[in-house]
């Protein structure tokens, strides 16, 4: 009788063990079936195939590769104004924008009557964008004051290069009555033997493909902006206050044997202010860890430096600020 009782208890224990095992296996199977949460982000990068777009695509790839559970898509647009408004409206989470647009947009909006855009924060200063003035070497021009009578290609009317050219000329007591502007970037004109242009003005990060193409077509040299004229340029308006002394390092372009002084500003990486602090901390860290990848996308990214990262024209996101504070702590 005792033997039967022991056998019955053994059977019960086995059945209970099997039931528990089945429950645990079912739970494991259910856990495996539930996918990990994925954070989808969008970065707005301006004109397709432009410098900012190329760097932005490389940054999106770096974020997706190195941040577990984060997938970043790229949104191209027409301008940095679009990128700024994309962040404010929530159609993008990150964006590449120049420091002047960021500051003016944050304070009062990028379009008339828009009002302050306080939903935008900074992640980092990236690299410079600068006015780059090229004139044919055979014109023997070494200063803007020698521009009288020159035919200068300045891009779209009202665009950044056009506006910059006008304030530079003004600082030398010149204007478009003295210099003949052409509002296009028809680079075939560079080699037009019958009606050639004398110079081209770009407002872009260094080593833009369009500049290199122009230099391949004809022998141009950079013309510096003299230091004493830069303060005059900065004083013309609030927006031009962000134009500061910028050096185009020697050997940036073929035949450039010396540093050339000009005016420029910084490109910033911005984000929505409501992104989680931990996420933005990680985004900031991966940005600086991925500089070699960004340089491969475009050489302008060689200007990215964590020491300058927090020197932005709008408030830092708390997550980015924590990254910079931790870099300053003793190791």
C-alpha atoms as a PDB file:
ATOM      1  CA  UNK A   1       0.000   0.000   0.000  1.00  0.00           C
ATOM      2  CA  UNK A   2       2.835   2.414   0.888  1.00  0.00           C
ATOM      3  CA  UNK A   3       4.560   1.525  -2.391  1.00  0.00           C
ATOM      4  CA  UNK A   4       1.461   2.471  -4.386  1.00  0.00           C
ATOM      5  CA  UNK A   5       1.202   5.769  -2.535  1.00  0.00           C
ATOM      6  CA  UNK A   6       4.853   6.602  -3.295  1.00  0.00           C
ATOM      7  CA  UNK A   7       4.348   5.779  -6.953  1.00  0.00           C
ATOM      8  CA  UNK A   8       1.223   7.980  -7.077  1.00  0.00           C
ATOM      9  CA  UNK A   9       3.143  10.914  -5.581  1.00  0.00           C
ATOM     10  CA  UNK A  10       5.962  10.393  -8.094  1.00  0.00           C
ATOM     11  CA  UNK A  11       3.468  10.477 -10.943  1.00  0.00           C
ATOM     12  CA  UNK A  12       1.920  13.666  -9.581  1.00  0.00           C
ATOM     13  CA  UNK A  13       5.359  15.319  -9.267  1.00  0.00           C
ATOM     14  CA  UNK A  14       6.242  14.377 -12.823  1.00  0.00           C
ATOM     15  CA  UNK A  15       2.949  15.764 -14.141  1.00  0.00           C
ATOM     16  CA  UNK A  16       3.410  19.015 -12.198  1.00  0.00           C
ATOM     17  CA  UNK A  17       6.977  19.327 -13.515  1.00  0.00           C
ATOM     18  CA  UNK A  18       5.781  18.811 -17.063  1.00  0.00           C
ATOM     19  CA  UNK A  19       3.040  21.417 -16.666  1.00  0.00           C
ATOM     20  CA  UNK A  20       5.503  23.944 -15.239  1.00  0.00           C
ATOM     21  CA  UNK A  21       7.968  23.270 -18.023  1.00  0.00           C
ATOM     22  CA  UNK A  22       5.229  23.735 -20.609  1.00  0.00           C
ATOM     23  CA  UNK A  23       4.192  27.044 -19.025  1.00  0.00           C
ATOM     24  CA  UNK A  24       7.788  28.288 -18.934  1.00  0.00           C
ATOM     25  CA  UNK A  25       8.416  27.260 -22.527  1.00  0.00           C
ATOM     26  CA  UNK A  26       5.206  29.006 -23.596  1.00  0.00           C
ATOM     27  CA  UNK A  27       6.296  32.169 -21.797  1.00  0.00           C
ATOM     28  CA  UNK A  28       9.749  31.988 -23.409  1.00  0.00           C
ATOM     29  CA  UNK A  29       8.170  31.529 -26.812  1.00  0.00           C
ATOM     30  CA  UNK A  30       5.885  34.512 -26.262  1.00  0.00           C
ATOM     31  CA  UNK A  31       8.809  36.704 -25.145  1.00  0.00           C
ATOM     32  CA  UNK A  32      10.786  35.768 -28.220  1.00  0.00           C
ATOM     33  CA  UNK A  33       7.844  36.625 -30.424  1.00  0.00           C
ATOM     34  CA  UNK A  34       7.573  40.215 -29.088  1.00  0.00           C
ATOM     35  CA  UNK A  35       9.977  42.438 -31.064  1.00  0.00           C
ATOM     36  CA  UNK A  36      12.159  44.980 -29.264  1.00  0.00           C
ATOM     37  CA  UNK A  37      10.880  48.561 -29.353  1.00  0.00           C
ATOM     38  CA  UNK A  38      12.374  50.592 -32.209  1.00  0.00           C
ATOM     39  CA  UNK A  39      12.845  54.374 -32.101  1.00  0.00           C
ATOM     40  CA  UNK A  40      12.390  55.907 -35.550  1.00  0.00           C
ATOM     41  CA  UNK A  41      14.038  59.304 -36.104  1.00  0.00           C
ATOM     42  CA  UNK A  42      14.237  61.629 -39.110  1.00  0.00           C
ATOM     43  CA  UNK A  43      17.085  64.025 -39.894  1.00  0.00           C
ATOM     44  CA  UNK A  44      16.408  66.971 -42.230  1.00  0.00           C
ATOM     45  CA  UNK A  45      19.434  67.798 -44.391  1.00  0.00           C
ATOM     46  CA  UNK A  46      18.621  70.460 -47.006  1.00  0.00           C
ATOM     47  CA  UNK A  47      19.163  70.045 -50.732  1.00  0.00           C
ATOM     48  CA  UNK A  48      19.579  66.509 -52.037  1.00  0.00           C
ATOM     49  CA  UNK A  49      23.245  65.711 -52.808  1.00  0.00           C
ATOM     50  CA  UNK A  50      24.396  68.965 -51.211  1.00  0.00           C
ATOM     51  CA  UNK A  51      27.154  68.962 -48.588  1.00  0.00           C
ATOM     52  CA  UNK A  52      24.712  68.904 -45.666  1.00  0.00           C
ATOM     53  CA  UNK A  53      22.720  66.106 -47.255  1.00  0.00           C
ATOM     54  CA  UNK A  54      25.819  63.962 -47.811  1.00  0.00           C
ATOM     55  CA  UNK A  55      26.994  64.427 -44.226  1.00  0.00           C
ATOM     56  CA  UNK A  56      23.446  63.945 -42.919  1.00  0.00           C
ATOM     57  CA  UNK A  57      23.093  60.631 -44.761  1.00  0.00           C
ATOM     58  CA  UNK A  58      26.380  59.392 -43.302  1.00  0.00           C
ATOM     59  CA  UNK A  59      25.293  60.480 -39.824  1.00  0.00           C
ATOM     60  CA  UNK A  60      21.945  58.690 -40.192  1.00  0.00           C
ATOM     61  CA  UNK A  61      23.806  55.522 -41.177  1.00  0.00           C
ATOM     62  CA  UNK A  62      26.128  55.844 -38.172  1.00  0.00           C
ATOM     63  CA  UNK A  63      23.217  56.307 -35.774  1.00  0.00           C
ATOM     64  CA  UNK A  64      21.331  53.317 -37.173  1.00  0.00           C
ATOM     65  CA  UNK A  65      24.440  51.131 -37.043  1.00  0.00           C
ATOM     66  CA  UNK A  66      25.703  52.061 -33.575  1.00  0.00           C
ATOM     67  CA  UNK A  67      22.547  52.774 -31.540  1.00  0.00           C
ATOM     68  CA  UNK A  68      20.584  49.642 -30.692  1.00  0.00           C
ATOM     69  CA  UNK A  69      16.880  50.011 -31.455  1.00  0.00           C
ATOM     70  CA  UNK A  70      17.325  53.322 -33.320  1.00  0.00           C
ATOM     71  CA  UNK A  71      16.583  53.722 -37.035  1.00  0.00           C
ATOM     72  CA  UNK A  72      17.237  57.101 -38.674  1.00  0.00           C
ATOM     73  CA  UNK A  73      15.795  58.215 -42.022  1.00  0.00           C
ATOM     74  CA  UNK A  74      16.872  61.259 -44.050  1.00  0.00           C
ATOM     75  CA  UNK A  75      14.570  63.993 -45.290  1.00  0.00           C
ATOM     76  CA  UNK A  76      15.946  66.339 -47.960  1.00  0.00           C
ATOM     77  CA  UNK A  77      14.400  69.735 -48.655  1.00  0.00           C
ATOM     78  CA  UNK A  78      15.078  73.038 -50.344  1.00  0.00           C
ATOM     79  CA  UNK A  79      17.000  74.969 -47.696  1.00  0.00           C
ATOM     80  CA  UNK A  80      18.218  75.227 -44.116  1.00  0.00           C
ATOM     81  CA  UNK A  81      15.055  77.220 -43.360  1.00  0.00           C
ATOM     82  CA  UNK A  82      13.067  74.107 -44.279  1.00  0.00           C
ATOM     83  CA  UNK A  83      15.223  71.984 -41.987  1.00  0.00           C
ATOM     84  CA  UNK A  84      14.667  74.357 -39.083  1.00  0.00           C
ATOM     85  CA  UNK A  85      10.897  74.385 -39.566  1.00  0.00           C
ATOM     86  CA  UNK A  86      10.857  70.590 -39.958  1.00  0.00           C
ATOM     87  CA  UNK A  87      12.252  70.253 -36.428  1.00  0.00           C
ATOM     88  CA  UNK A  88       9.882  72.822 -34.950  1.00  0.00           C
ATOM     89  CA  UNK A  89       6.846  71.219 -36.605  1.00  0.00           C
ATOM     90  CA  UNK A  90       7.874  67.689 -35.598  1.00  0.00           C
ATOM     91  CA  UNK A  91       8.237  66.392 -39.166  1.00  0.00           C
ATOM     92  CA  UNK A  92      11.933  65.872 -38.358  1.00  0.00           C
ATOM     93  CA  UNK A  93      13.729  65.092 -35.105  1.00  0.00           C
ATOM     94  CA  UNK A  94      17.163  66.378 -36.121  1.00  0.00           C
ATOM     95  CA  UNK A  95      18.458  68.810 -38.715  1.00  0.00           C
ATOM     96  CA  UNK A  96      21.555  70.530 -40.091  1.00  0.00           C
ATOM     97  CA  UNK A  97      21.151  74.311 -39.965  1.00  0.00           C
ATOM     98  CA  UNK A  98      23.516  77.299 -40.016  1.00  0.00           C
ATOM     99  CA  UNK A  99      24.024  79.284 -36.795  1.00  0.00           C
ATOM    100  CA  UNK A 100      22.336  82.452 -38.058  1.00  0.00           C
ATOM    101  CA  UNK A 101      19.156  80.664 -39.177  1.00  0.00           C
ATOM    102  CA  UNK A 102      19.111  78.742 -35.889  1.00  0.00           C
ATOM    103  CA  UNK A 103      19.425  81.883 -33.761  1.00  0.00           C
ATOM    104  CA  UNK A 104      16.967  84.033 -35.719  1.00  0.00           C
ATOM    105  CA  UNK A 105      14.500  81.149 -35.969  1.00  0.00           C
ATOM    106  CA  UNK A 106      14.722  80.393 -32.257  1.00  0.00           C
ATOM    107  CA  UNK A 107      14.211  84.052 -31.321  1.00  0.00           C
ATOM    108  CA  UNK A 108      11.466  85.055 -33.771  1.00  0.00           C
ATOM    109  CA  UNK A 109      10.993  82.451 -36.522  1.00  0.00           C
ATOM    110  CA  UNK A 110      12.559  82.117 -39.950  1.00  0.00           C
ATOM    111  CA  UNK A 111       9.606  83.580 -41.830  1.00  0.00           C
ATOM    112  CA  UNK A 112       7.770  86.866 -41.310  1.00  0.00           C
ATOM    113  CA  UNK A 113       5.232  86.659 -38.486  1.00  0.00           C
ATOM    114  CA  UNK A 114       6.188  83.108 -37.525  1.00  0.00           C
ATOM    115  CA  UNK A 115       7.103  83.951 -33.925  1.00  0.00           C
ATOM    116  CA  UNK A 116       9.767  82.317 -31.718  1.00  0.00           C
ATOM    117  CA  UNK A 117      10.512  78.636 -32.323  1.00  0.00           C
ATOM    118  CA  UNK A 118      11.377  77.507 -28.806  1.00  0.00           C
ATOM    119  CA  UNK A 119      10.916  73.793 -29.550  1.00  0.00           C
ATOM    120  CA  UNK A 120      14.404  73.566 -31.062  1.00  0.00           C
ATOM    121  CA  UNK A 121      17.640  72.758 -29.205  1.00  0.00           C
ATOM    122  CA  UNK A 122      21.271  72.308 -30.250  1.00  0.00           C
ATOM    123  CA  UNK A 123      23.293  69.113 -30.238  1.00  0.00           C
ATOM    124  CA  UNK A 124      26.614  70.399 -31.598  1.00  0.00           C
ATOM    125  CA  UNK A 125      28.558  72.803 -33.760  1.00  0.00           C
ATOM    126  CA  UNK A 126      29.677  70.829 -36.807  1.00  0.00           C
ATOM    127  CA  UNK A 127      31.838  72.649 -39.387  1.00  0.00           C
ATOM    128  CA  UNK A 128      32.109  76.055 -41.085  1.00  0.00           C
ATOM    129  CA  UNK A 129      30.265  77.281 -44.113  1.00  0.00           C
ATOM    130  CA  UNK A 130      31.997  80.256 -45.711  1.00  0.00           C
ATOM    131  CA  UNK A 131      31.951  82.873 -48.445  1.00  0.00           C
ATOM    132  CA  UNK A 132      34.457  81.780 -51.079  1.00  0.00           C
ATOM    133  CA  UNK A 133      35.233  84.323 -53.794  1.00  0.00           C
ATOM    134  CA  UNK A 134      37.141  83.100 -56.853  1.00  0.00           C
ATOM    135  CA  UNK A 135      38.473  85.300 -59.677  1.00  0.00           C
ATOM    136  CA  UNK A 136      40.325  84.271 -62.815  1.00  0.00           C
ATOM    137  CA  UNK A 137      44.033  84.283 -62.131  1.00  0.00           C
ATOM    138  CA  UNK A 138      44.745  86.168 -65.362  1.00  0.00           C
ATOM    139  CA  UNK A 139      42.703  89.137 -64.067  1.00  0.00           C
ATOM    140  CA  UNK A 140      45.521  89.788 -61.540  1.00  0.00           C
ATOM    141  CA  UNK A 141      43.069  90.680 -58.759  1.00  0.00           C
ATOM    142  CA  UNK A 142      44.274  90.414 -55.145  1.00  0.00           C
ATOM    143  CA  UNK A 143      41.595  92.461 -53.335  1.00  0.00           C
ATOM    144  CA  UNK A 144      37.835  93.065 -53.492  1.00  0.00           C
ATOM    145  CA  UNK A 145      38.562  96.756 -54.083  1.00  0.00           C
ATOM    146  CA  UNK A 146      39.760  95.738 -57.571  1.00  0.00           C
ATOM    147  CA  UNK A 147      36.384  94.237 -58.510  1.00  0.00           C
ATOM    148  CA  UNK A 148      35.118  97.235 -60.481  1.00  0.00           C
ATOM    149  CA  UNK A 149      33.851  96.129 -63.866  1.00  0.00           C
ATOM    150  CA  UNK A 150      34.147  92.409 -63.150  1.00  0.00           C
ATOM    151  CA  UNK A 151      31.364  90.019 -64.134  1.00  0.00           C
ATOM    152  CA  UNK A 152      30.702  87.871 -61.053  1.00  0.00           C
ATOM    153  CA  UNK A 153      28.467  84.808 -60.877  1.00  0.00           C
ATOM    154  CA  UNK A 154      26.618  85.011 -57.520  1.00  0.00           C
ATOM    155  CA  UNK A 155      24.009  82.250 -57.733  1.00  0.00           C
ATOM    156  CA  UNK A 156      20.292  82.677 -57.156  1.00  0.00           C
ATOM    157  CA  UNK A 157      19.025  86.230 -56.717  1.00  0.00           C
ATOM    158  CA  UNK A 158      18.433  86.774 -53.004  1.00  0.00           C
ATOM    159  CA  UNK A 159      20.370  83.613 -52.141  1.00  0.00           C
ATOM    160  CA  UNK A 160      23.102  83.394 -49.533  1.00  0.00           C
ATOM    161  CA  UNK A 161      25.974  84.031 -51.979  1.00  0.00           C
ATOM    162  CA  UNK A 162      24.175  87.037 -53.494  1.00  0.00           C
ATOM    163  CA  UNK A 163      23.457  88.554 -50.078  1.00  0.00           C
ATOM    164  CA  UNK A 164      27.001  87.931 -48.884  1.00  0.00           C
ATOM    165  CA  UNK A 165      28.506  89.472 -52.008  1.00  0.00           C
ATOM    166  CA  UNK A 166      26.455  92.630 -51.537  1.00  0.00           C
ATOM    167  CA  UNK A 167      27.527  93.198 -47.913  1.00  0.00           C
ATOM    168  CA  UNK A 168      31.161  92.463 -48.794  1.00  0.00           C
ATOM    169  CA  UNK A 169      31.067  94.993 -51.633  1.00  0.00           C
ATOM    170  CA  UNK A 170      29.402  97.517 -49.324  1.00  0.00           C
ATOM    171  CA  UNK A 171      32.265  97.202 -46.840  1.00  0.00           C
ATOM    172  CA  UNK A 172      34.617  98.223 -49.677  1.00  0.00           C
ATOM    173  CA  UNK A 173      32.328 101.133 -50.737  1.00  0.00           C
ATOM    174  CA  UNK A 174      31.225  99.221 -53.840  1.00  0.00           C
ATOM    175  CA  UNK A 175      27.889  97.820 -55.057  1.00  0.00           C
ATOM    176  CA  UNK A 176      26.306  96.143 -58.055  1.00  0.00           C
ATOM    177  CA  UNK A 177      26.599  99.397 -59.997  1.00  0.00           C
ATOM    178  CA  UNK A 178      30.347  98.763 -59.939  1.00  0.00           C
ATOM    179  CA  UNK A 179      30.317  94.971 -60.230  1.00  0.00           C
ATOM    180  CA  UNK A 180      28.153  93.144 -62.760  1.00  0.00           C
ATOM    181  CA  UNK A 181      26.352  90.248 -61.068  1.00  0.00           C
ATOM    182  CA  UNK A 182      25.073  87.170 -62.867  1.00  0.00           C
ATOM    183  CA  UNK A 183      22.348  85.321 -60.961  1.00  0.00           C
ATOM    184  CA  UNK A 184      23.076  81.713 -61.808  1.00  0.00           C
ATOM    185  CA  UNK A 185      25.565  78.911 -61.370  1.00  0.00           C
ATOM    186  CA  UNK A 186      25.916  78.046 -65.046  1.00  0.00           C
ATOM    187  CA  UNK A 187      29.436  76.689 -64.771  1.00  0.00           C
ATOM    188  CA  UNK A 188      29.734  76.223 -68.519  1.00  0.00           C
ATOM    189  CA  UNK A 189      30.275  80.000 -68.557  1.00  0.00           C
ATOM    190  CA  UNK A 190      33.577  79.453 -66.772  1.00  0.00           C
ATOM    191  CA  UNK A 191      35.135  78.199 -70.014  1.00  0.00           C
ATOM    192  CA  UNK A 192      33.079  80.260 -72.475  1.00  0.00           C
ATOM    193  CA  UNK A 193      35.730  81.738 -74.773  1.00  0.00           C
ATOM    194  CA  UNK A 194      33.401  84.363 -76.263  1.00  0.00           C
ATOM    195  CA  UNK A 195      31.671  85.645 -73.104  1.00  0.00           C
ATOM    196  CA  UNK A 196      33.515  84.374 -70.012  1.00  0.00           C
ATOM    197  CA  UNK A 197      32.713  85.356 -66.469  1.00  0.00           C
ATOM    198  CA  UNK A 198      35.467  86.864 -64.336  1.00  0.00           C
ATOM    199  CA  UNK A 199      34.632  85.257 -61.016  1.00  0.00           C
ATOM    200  CA  UNK A 200      32.315  83.061 -58.968  1.00  0.00           C
ATOM    201  CA  UNK A 201      31.016  83.552 -55.413  1.00  0.00           C
ATOM    202  CA  UNK A 202      30.018  80.544 -53.324  1.00  0.00           C
ATOM    203  CA  UNK A 203      28.603  80.391 -49.799  1.00  0.00           C
ATOM    204  CA  UNK A 204      29.117  76.786 -48.799  1.00  0.00           C
ATOM    205  CA  UNK A 205      31.254  74.431 -46.700  1.00  0.00           C
ATOM    206  CA  UNK A 206      34.773  73.873 -47.988  1.00  0.00           C
ATOM    207  CA  UNK A 207      35.485  71.633 -50.981  1.00  0.00           C
ATOM    208  CA  UNK A 208      31.965  71.713 -52.371  1.00  0.00           C
ATOM    209  CA  UNK A 209      31.795  69.614 -55.539  1.00  0.00           C
ATOM    210  CA  UNK A 210      30.554  72.615 -57.552  1.00  0.00           C
ATOM    211  CA  UNK A 211      33.678  74.594 -56.620  1.00  0.00           C
ATOM    212  CA  UNK A 212      35.995  71.751 -57.532  1.00  0.00           C
ATOM    213  CA  UNK A 213      34.209  71.356 -60.877  1.00  0.00           C
ATOM    214  CA  UNK A 214      34.665  75.074 -61.593  1.00  0.00           C
ATOM    215  CA  UNK A 215      38.354  74.913 -60.720  1.00  0.00           C
ATOM    216  CA  UNK A 216      38.771  71.955 -63.061  1.00  0.00           C
ATOM    217  CA  UNK A 217      37.460  74.087 -65.915  1.00  0.00           C
ATOM    218  CA  UNK A 218      39.582  77.236 -65.505  1.00  0.00           C
ATOM    219  CA  UNK A 219      42.414  78.742 -63.485  1.00  0.00           C
ATOM    220  CA  UNK A 220      40.808  80.623 -60.592  1.00  0.00           C
ATOM    221  CA  UNK A 221      42.272  81.920 -57.332  1.00  0.00           C
ATOM    222  CA  UNK A 222      40.674  82.802 -54.010  1.00  0.00           C
ATOM    223  CA  UNK A 223      40.407  86.487 -53.129  1.00  0.00           C
ATOM    224  CA  UNK A 224      40.653  87.271 -49.381  1.00  0.00           C
ATOM    225  CA  UNK A 225      38.348  89.516 -47.351  1.00  0.00           C
ATOM    226  CA  UNK A 226      40.659  91.897 -45.520  1.00  0.00           C
ATOM    227  CA  UNK A 227      40.394  91.709 -41.733  1.00  0.00           C
ATOM    228  CA  UNK A 228      39.577  95.406 -41.290  1.00  0.00           C
ATOM    229  CA  UNK A 229      36.452  94.958 -43.423  1.00  0.00           C
ATOM    230  CA  UNK A 230      35.019  92.067 -41.439  1.00  0.00           C
ATOM    231  CA  UNK A 231      33.787  94.195 -38.512  1.00  0.00           C
ATOM    232  CA  UNK A 232      32.054  96.483 -41.026  1.00  0.00           C
ATOM    233  CA  UNK A 233      30.343  93.439 -42.538  1.00  0.00           C
ATOM    234  CA  UNK A 234      29.203  92.215 -39.113  1.00  0.00           C
ATOM    235  CA  UNK A 235      27.681  95.574 -38.198  1.00  0.00           C
ATOM    236  CA  UNK A 236      25.355  95.849 -41.206  1.00  0.00           C
ATOM    237  CA  UNK A 237      22.537  93.757 -39.649  1.00  0.00           C
ATOM    238  CA  UNK A 238      21.673  91.274 -36.902  1.00  0.00           C
ATOM    239  CA  UNK A 239      21.958  88.407 -39.352  1.00  0.00           C
ATOM    240  CA  UNK A 240      25.428  89.444 -40.519  1.00  0.00           C
ATOM    241  CA  UNK A 241      26.590  89.495 -36.906  1.00  0.00           C
ATOM    242  CA  UNK A 242      27.012  85.742 -37.315  1.00  0.00           C
ATOM    243  CA  UNK A 243      29.475  86.211 -40.182  1.00  0.00           C
ATOM    244  CA  UNK A 244      32.871  85.950 -38.505  1.00  0.00           C
ATOM    245  CA  UNK A 245      36.492  85.617 -39.530  1.00  0.00           C
ATOM    246  CA  UNK A 246      36.950  82.227 -41.153  1.00  0.00           C
ATOM    247  CA  UNK A 247      40.171  80.813 -42.552  1.00  0.00           C
ATOM    248  CA  UNK A 248      40.192  78.662 -45.670  1.00  0.00           C
ATOM    249  CA  UNK A 249      43.218  76.479 -44.879  1.00  0.00           C
ATOM    250  CA  UNK A 250      46.038  76.243 -47.414  1.00  0.00           C
ATOM    251  CA  UNK A 251      45.719  73.378 -49.880  1.00  0.00           C
ATOM    252  CA  UNK A 252      41.937  73.312 -49.486  1.00  0.00           C
ATOM    253  CA  UNK A 253      41.816  73.910 -53.261  1.00  0.00           C
ATOM    254  CA  UNK A 254      44.306  73.140 -56.032  1.00  0.00           C
ATOM    255  CA  UNK A 255      46.974  75.822 -56.310  1.00  0.00           C
ATOM    256  CA  UNK A 256      46.073  77.416 -52.957  1.00  0.00           C
ATOM    257  CA  UNK A 257      49.458  77.741 -51.270  1.00  0.00           C
ATOM    258  CA  UNK A 258      48.415  80.011 -48.380  1.00  0.00           C
ATOM    259  CA  UNK A 259      45.603  80.354 -45.842  1.00  0.00           C
ATOM    260  CA  UNK A 260      42.909  82.724 -47.127  1.00  0.00           C
ATOM    261  CA  UNK A 261      40.789  84.878 -44.809  1.00  0.00           C
ATOM    262  CA  UNK A 262      37.077  85.220 -45.474  1.00  0.00           C
ATOM    263  CA  UNK A 263      33.781  85.386 -43.554  1.00  0.00           C
ATOM    264  CA  UNK A 264      31.580  82.490 -42.588  1.00  0.00           C
ATOM    265  CA  UNK A 265      29.521  80.862 -39.866  1.00  0.00           C
ATOM    266  CA  UNK A 266      28.942  77.446 -38.344  1.00  0.00           C
ATOM    267  CA  UNK A 267      26.693  74.580 -39.371  1.00  0.00           C
ATOM    268  CA  UNK A 268      24.867  73.151 -36.343  1.00  0.00           C
ATOM    269  CA  UNK A 269      23.166  69.849 -35.600  1.00  0.00           C
ATOM    270  CA  UNK A 270      19.795  70.691 -34.021  1.00  0.00           C
ATOM    271  CA  UNK A 271      17.094  68.512 -32.483  1.00  0.00           C
ATOM    272  CA  UNK A 272      13.597  68.664 -31.003  1.00  0.00           C
ATOM    273  CA  UNK A 273      13.585  69.838 -27.397  1.00  0.00           C
ATOM    274  CA  UNK A 274      11.327  66.949 -26.297  1.00  0.00           C
ATOM    275  CA  UNK A 275      13.667  64.133 -27.325  1.00  0.00           C
ATOM    276  CA  UNK A 276      14.686  62.074 -24.249  1.00  0.00           C
ATOM    277  CA  UNK A 277      17.889  63.226 -22.553  1.00  0.00           C
ATOM    278  CA  UNK A 278      19.449  59.750 -22.707  1.00  0.00           C
ATOM    279  CA  UNK A 279      18.776  59.450 -26.436  1.00  0.00           C
ATOM    280  CA  UNK A 280      20.325  62.859 -27.229  1.00  0.00           C
ATOM    281  CA  UNK A 281      23.341  61.996 -25.063  1.00  0.00           C
ATOM    282  CA  UNK A 282      23.847  58.877 -27.193  1.00  0.00           C
ATOM    283  CA  UNK A 283      23.293  60.819 -30.426  1.00  0.00           C
ATOM    284  CA  UNK A 284      25.949  63.337 -29.375  1.00  0.00           C
ATOM    285  CA  UNK A 285      28.477  60.647 -28.489  1.00  0.00           C
ATOM    286  CA  UNK A 286      27.987  58.721 -31.732  1.00  0.00           C
ATOM    287  CA  UNK A 287      28.344  61.961 -33.710  1.00  0.00           C
ATOM    288  CA  UNK A 288      31.879  62.535 -32.464  1.00  0.00           C
ATOM    289  CA  UNK A 289      32.800  58.846 -32.517  1.00  0.00           C
ATOM    290  CA  UNK A 290      31.802  58.719 -36.204  1.00  0.00           C
ATOM    291  CA  UNK A 291      33.857  61.652 -37.544  1.00  0.00           C
ATOM    292  CA  UNK A 292      36.008  59.413 -39.819  1.00  0.00           C
ATOM    293  CA  UNK A 293      32.835  58.045 -41.468  1.00  0.00           C
ATOM    294  CA  UNK A 294      31.475  61.562 -41.959  1.00  0.00           C
ATOM    295  CA  UNK A 295      34.734  62.738 -43.540  1.00  0.00           C
ATOM    296  CA  UNK A 296      34.496  59.891 -46.034  1.00  0.00           C
ATOM    297  CA  UNK A 297      31.041  61.208 -46.969  1.00  0.00           C
ATOM    298  CA  UNK A 298      32.388  64.751 -47.423  1.00  0.00           C
ATOM    299  CA  UNK A 299      35.728  66.347 -46.440  1.00  0.00           C
ATOM    300  CA  UNK A 300      33.965  69.343 -44.865  1.00  0.00           C
ATOM    301  CA  UNK A 301      33.273  67.073 -41.875  1.00  0.00           C
ATOM    302  CA  UNK A 302      36.975  67.283 -40.991  1.00  0.00           C
ATOM    303  CA  UNK A 303      36.019  70.539 -39.256  1.00  0.00           C
ATOM    304  CA  UNK A 304      33.951  68.709 -36.602  1.00  0.00           C
ATOM    305  CA  UNK A 305      35.623  69.001 -33.198  1.00  0.00           C
ATOM    306  CA  UNK A 306      34.130  68.120 -29.795  1.00  0.00           C
ATOM    307  CA  UNK A 307      35.995  71.057 -28.208  1.00  0.00           C
ATOM    308  CA  UNK A 308      33.875  73.463 -30.273  1.00  0.00           C
ATOM    309  CA  UNK A 309      30.764  71.304 -30.081  1.00  0.00           C
ATOM    310  CA  UNK A 310      28.927  73.195 -27.319  1.00  0.00           C
ATOM    311  CA  UNK A 311      29.570  76.727 -28.701  1.00  0.00           C
ATOM    312  CA  UNK A 312      26.144  76.945 -30.326  1.00  0.00           C
ATOM    313  CA  UNK A 313      23.938  79.961 -31.070  1.00  0.00           C
ATOM    314  CA  UNK A 314      20.849  78.390 -29.422  1.00  0.00           C
ATOM    315  CA  UNK A 315      20.517  76.513 -26.091  1.00  0.00           C
ATOM    316  CA  UNK A 316      21.927  72.998 -25.897  1.00  0.00           C
ATOM    317  CA  UNK A 317      19.622  70.055 -25.328  1.00  0.00           C
ATOM    318  CA  UNK A 318      20.181  68.744 -21.751  1.00  0.00           C
ATOM    319  CA  UNK A 319      21.325  65.385 -23.126  1.00  0.00           C
ATOM    320  CA  UNK A 320      24.013  67.033 -25.251  1.00  0.00           C
ATOM    321  CA  UNK A 321      25.020  69.321 -22.372  1.00  0.00           C
ATOM    322  CA  UNK A 322      25.596  66.242 -20.165  1.00  0.00           C
ATOM    323  CA  UNK A 323      27.913  64.767 -22.792  1.00  0.00           C
ATOM    324  CA  UNK A 324      30.067  67.922 -22.848  1.00  0.00           C
ATOM    325  CA  UNK A 325      30.129  68.162 -19.037  1.00  0.00           C
ATOM    326  CA  UNK A 326      31.308  64.590 -18.729  1.00  0.00           C
ATOM    327  CA  UNK A 327      34.111  65.230 -21.213  1.00  0.00           C
ATOM    328  CA  UNK A 328      35.424  67.943 -18.874  1.00  0.00           C
ATOM    329  CA  UNK A 329      35.443  65.680 -15.789  1.00  0.00           C
ATOM    330  CA  UNK A 330      38.798  64.229 -14.636  1.00  0.00           C
ATOM    331  CA  UNK A 331      39.277  60.734 -15.970  1.00  0.00           C
END
